[in-house]
Amino acid sequence: MAETIPEILTFEEMQHRYIGEWVLIAEHESDENMQVVRGEVLVHSVNRDEIYNRLKDFQGRSLAIEYIGTPPANWAVML
């Protein structure tokens, strides 16, 4: 089940904590390529659908959804 733990982390810190998980981030800072530099981790889960189901709880905020880790070979990735 998705766990709600509001915390501001750098993206590097997220990569160490949430490997293999989907992360819903309230963006606080992004770089010139629109990549998250740091933000508030709102929800994380191994189940992507749980993240999407929680989007309505954070309406009106600037959000990003990231998968932390290497996507499995059978996934299509959009950059």
N, C-alpha and C. Protein backbone atom coordinates (compact mmCIF):
# COMPACT_ATOMS: atom_id res chain seq x y z
N MET A 1 0.83 -1.19 0.00
CA MET A 1 0.00 0.00 0.00
C MET A 1 0.87 1.25 0.00
N ALA A 2 0.42 2.29 -0.64
CA ALA A 2 1.17 3.54 -0.69
C ALA A 2 1.29 4.13 0.70
N GLU A 3 2.45 4.67 0.96
CA GLU A 3 2.73 5.24 2.27
C GLU A 3 2.94 6.74 2.11
N THR A 4 2.27 7.54 2.96
CA THR A 4 2.39 8.98 2.90
C THR A 4 3.41 9.45 3.93
N ILE A 5 4.50 10.03 3.44
CA ILE A 5 5.54 10.53 4.32
C ILE A 5 6.06 11.84 3.71
N PRO A 6 5.46 12.99 4.05
CA PRO A 6 5.95 14.24 3.48
C PRO A 6 7.36 14.55 3.96
N GLU A 7 8.28 14.74 3.02
CA GLU A 7 9.66 15.02 3.35
C GLU A 7 10.33 15.62 2.12
N ILE A 8 11.14 16.65 2.31
CA ILE A 8 11.86 17.26 1.20
C ILE A 8 13.23 16.61 1.09
N LEU A 9 13.51 16.08 -0.10
CA LEU A 9 14.77 15.38 -0.36
C LEU A 9 15.33 15.85 -1.70
N THR A 10 16.63 15.68 -1.88
CA THR A 10 17.19 15.87 -3.21
C THR A 10 16.82 14.63 -4.02
N PHE A 11 16.88 14.76 -5.35
CA PHE A 11 16.55 13.60 -6.18
C PHE A 11 17.54 12.48 -5.92
N GLU A 12 18.79 12.82 -5.66
CA GLU A 12 19.80 11.81 -5.34
C GLU A 12 19.42 11.04 -4.07
N GLU A 13 18.92 11.74 -3.06
CA GLU A 13 18.47 11.06 -1.84
C GLU A 13 17.29 10.14 -2.12
N MET A 14 16.38 10.59 -2.98
CA MET A 14 15.24 9.75 -3.37
C MET A 14 15.73 8.47 -4.04
N GLN A 15 16.75 8.60 -4.89
CA GLN A 15 17.28 7.44 -5.60
C GLN A 15 17.87 6.41 -4.65
N HIS A 16 18.38 6.83 -3.53
CA HIS A 16 18.93 5.91 -2.55
C HIS A 16 17.84 5.27 -1.68
N ARG A 17 16.80 6.01 -1.38
CA ARG A 17 15.74 5.51 -0.48
C ARG A 17 14.68 4.68 -1.16
N TYR A 18 14.32 5.05 -2.37
CA TYR A 18 13.11 4.49 -2.98
C TYR A 18 13.39 3.68 -4.25
N ILE A 19 14.51 3.01 -4.32
CA ILE A 19 14.86 2.23 -5.51
C ILE A 19 13.78 1.17 -5.77
N GLY A 20 13.35 1.09 -7.02
CA GLY A 20 12.32 0.14 -7.41
C GLY A 20 10.91 0.59 -7.07
N GLU A 21 10.76 1.89 -6.73
CA GLU A 21 9.44 2.40 -6.36
C GLU A 21 9.06 3.61 -7.22
N TRP A 22 7.77 3.86 -7.27
CA TRP A 22 7.22 5.07 -7.87
C TRP A 22 7.13 6.11 -6.76
N VAL A 23 7.43 7.36 -7.11
CA VAL A 23 7.44 8.43 -6.12
C VAL A 23 6.63 9.60 -6.66
N LEU A 24 5.71 10.11 -5.84
CA LEU A 24 4.95 11.32 -6.17
C LEU A 24 5.61 12.47 -5.43
N ILE A 25 6.06 13.46 -6.19
CA ILE A 25 6.87 14.54 -5.66
C ILE A 25 6.18 15.88 -5.91
N ALA A 26 6.09 16.69 -4.86
CA ALA A 26 5.70 18.08 -5.03
C ALA A 26 6.99 18.82 -5.34
N GLU A 27 7.09 19.36 -6.54
CA GLU A 27 8.35 19.96 -6.98
C GLU A 27 8.63 21.27 -6.25
N HIS A 28 9.82 21.36 -5.76
CA HIS A 28 10.30 22.59 -5.17
C HIS A 28 11.38 23.20 -6.04
N GLU A 29 12.10 22.35 -6.74
CA GLU A 29 13.17 22.84 -7.61
C GLU A 29 13.41 21.84 -8.74
N SER A 30 13.50 22.36 -9.98
CA SER A 30 13.87 21.53 -11.12
C SER A 30 14.94 22.27 -11.92
N ASP A 31 15.67 21.50 -12.74
CA ASP A 31 16.75 22.10 -13.51
C ASP A 31 16.24 22.60 -14.86
N GLU A 32 17.16 23.08 -15.70
CA GLU A 32 16.78 23.65 -17.00
C GLU A 32 16.15 22.62 -17.93
N ASN A 33 16.32 21.33 -17.65
CA ASN A 33 15.71 20.27 -18.45
C ASN A 33 14.43 19.74 -17.81
N MET A 34 13.92 20.46 -16.82
CA MET A 34 12.68 20.12 -16.10
C MET A 34 12.81 18.82 -15.31
N GLN A 35 14.03 18.44 -14.95
CA GLN A 35 14.26 17.28 -14.10
C GLN A 35 14.20 17.72 -12.65
N VAL A 36 13.59 16.92 -11.81
CA VAL A 36 13.48 17.25 -10.40
C VAL A 36 14.86 17.28 -9.76
N VAL A 37 15.18 18.36 -9.08
CA VAL A 37 16.43 18.49 -8.34
C VAL A 37 16.18 18.14 -6.88
N ARG A 38 15.10 18.66 -6.34
CA ARG A 38 14.67 18.32 -4.98
C ARG A 38 13.18 18.58 -4.88
N GLY A 39 12.56 17.95 -3.93
CA GLY A 39 11.13 18.14 -3.75
C GLY A 39 10.61 17.40 -2.54
N GLU A 40 9.34 17.60 -2.29
CA GLU A 40 8.68 16.96 -1.15
C GLU A 40 8.10 15.62 -1.59
N VAL A 41 8.57 14.56 -0.99
CA VAL A 41 8.04 13.23 -1.30
C VAL A 41 6.69 13.11 -0.61
N LEU A 42 5.63 13.02 -1.41
CA LEU A 42 4.28 12.94 -0.88
C LEU A 42 3.85 11.50 -0.65
N VAL A 43 4.15 10.65 -1.63
CA VAL A 43 3.75 9.24 -1.57
C VAL A 43 4.79 8.43 -2.33
N HIS A 44 5.05 7.21 -1.86
CA HIS A 44 5.89 6.28 -2.62
C HIS A 44 5.30 4.89 -2.52
N SER A 45 5.47 4.12 -3.59
CA SER A 45 4.89 2.78 -3.64
C SER A 45 5.53 1.99 -4.77
N VAL A 46 5.58 0.68 -4.63
CA VAL A 46 6.03 -0.17 -5.73
C VAL A 46 4.94 -0.29 -6.79
N ASN A 47 3.71 0.07 -6.44
CA ASN A 47 2.57 -0.04 -7.33
C ASN A 47 2.25 1.33 -7.95
N ARG A 48 2.48 1.47 -9.23
CA ARG A 48 2.23 2.74 -9.93
C ARG A 48 0.79 3.21 -9.79
N ASP A 49 -0.17 2.29 -9.86
CA ASP A 49 -1.57 2.67 -9.77
C ASP A 49 -1.90 3.35 -8.44
N GLU A 50 -1.25 2.95 -7.38
CA GLU A 50 -1.48 3.60 -6.09
C GLU A 50 -1.06 5.06 -6.13
N ILE A 51 0.01 5.36 -6.84
CA ILE A 51 0.46 6.74 -6.98
C ILE A 51 -0.57 7.55 -7.76
N TYR A 52 -1.01 7.01 -8.89
CA TYR A 52 -2.00 7.72 -9.71
C TYR A 52 -3.32 7.91 -8.96
N ASN A 53 -3.70 6.95 -8.16
CA ASN A 53 -4.94 7.08 -7.37
C ASN A 53 -4.86 8.18 -6.33
N ARG A 54 -3.67 8.55 -5.91
CA ARG A 54 -3.51 9.60 -4.89
C ARG A 54 -3.41 11.00 -5.47
N LEU A 55 -3.30 11.13 -6.79
CA LEU A 55 -3.15 12.44 -7.41
C LEU A 55 -4.25 13.42 -7.00
N LYS A 56 -5.48 12.92 -6.89
CA LYS A 56 -6.60 13.81 -6.54
C LYS A 56 -6.43 14.43 -5.16
N ASP A 57 -5.67 13.79 -4.29
CA ASP A 57 -5.44 14.31 -2.94
C ASP A 57 -4.54 15.54 -2.93
N PHE A 58 -3.86 15.80 -4.05
CA PHE A 58 -2.89 16.89 -4.09
C PHE A 58 -3.17 17.87 -5.22
N GLN A 59 -4.44 18.02 -5.58
CA GLN A 59 -4.82 18.93 -6.66
C GLN A 59 -4.33 20.34 -6.36
N GLY A 60 -3.92 21.03 -7.42
CA GLY A 60 -3.47 22.41 -7.29
C GLY A 60 -1.99 22.55 -6.99
N ARG A 61 -1.30 21.45 -6.79
CA ARG A 61 0.15 21.50 -6.53
C ARG A 61 0.90 21.11 -7.80
N SER A 62 2.10 21.61 -7.94
CA SER A 62 2.97 21.21 -9.04
C SER A 62 3.60 19.87 -8.67
N LEU A 63 3.25 18.82 -9.42
CA LEU A 63 3.66 17.47 -9.07
C LEU A 63 4.50 16.82 -10.15
N ALA A 64 5.31 15.87 -9.73
CA ALA A 64 6.07 15.03 -10.65
C ALA A 64 5.92 13.59 -10.17
N ILE A 65 5.89 12.66 -11.11
CA ILE A 65 5.89 11.24 -10.78
C ILE A 65 7.14 10.65 -11.40
N GLU A 66 7.93 9.98 -10.60
CA GLU A 66 9.18 9.39 -11.06
C GLU A 66 9.25 7.93 -10.65
N TYR A 67 9.81 7.10 -11.53
CA TYR A 67 10.16 5.74 -11.15
C TYR A 67 11.63 5.76 -10.80
N ILE A 68 11.97 5.27 -9.62
CA ILE A 68 13.35 5.29 -9.15
C ILE A 68 13.97 3.92 -9.43
N GLY A 69 14.90 3.90 -10.33
CA GLY A 69 15.57 2.65 -10.66
C GLY A 69 15.62 2.44 -12.16
N THR A 70 16.10 1.29 -12.55
CA THR A 70 16.18 0.93 -13.96
C THR A 70 14.88 0.24 -14.36
N PRO A 71 14.18 0.78 -15.34
CA PRO A 71 12.93 0.15 -15.76
C PRO A 71 13.18 -1.25 -16.31
N PRO A 72 12.27 -2.19 -16.03
CA PRO A 72 12.40 -3.53 -16.60
C PRO A 72 12.42 -3.46 -18.13
N ALA A 73 13.04 -4.43 -18.76
CA ALA A 73 13.20 -4.46 -20.21
C ALA A 73 11.88 -4.45 -20.96
N ASN A 74 10.80 -4.95 -20.37
CA ASN A 74 9.53 -5.02 -21.07
C ASN A 74 8.70 -3.73 -20.94
N TRP A 75 9.25 -2.68 -20.33
CA TRP A 75 8.56 -1.41 -20.20
C TRP A 75 8.91 -0.50 -21.37
N ALA A 76 7.94 0.29 -21.82
CA ALA A 76 8.21 1.36 -22.77
C ALA A 76 8.45 2.62 -21.95
N VAL A 77 9.47 3.36 -22.31
CA VAL A 77 9.83 4.57 -21.56
C VAL A 77 9.70 5.78 -22.45
N MET A 78 9.01 6.82 -21.95
CA MET A 78 8.86 8.06 -22.67
C MET A 78 9.70 9.12 -21.96
N LEU A 79 10.58 9.76 -22.71
CA LEU A 79 11.44 10.78 -22.12
C LEU A 79 10.96 12.16 -22.46
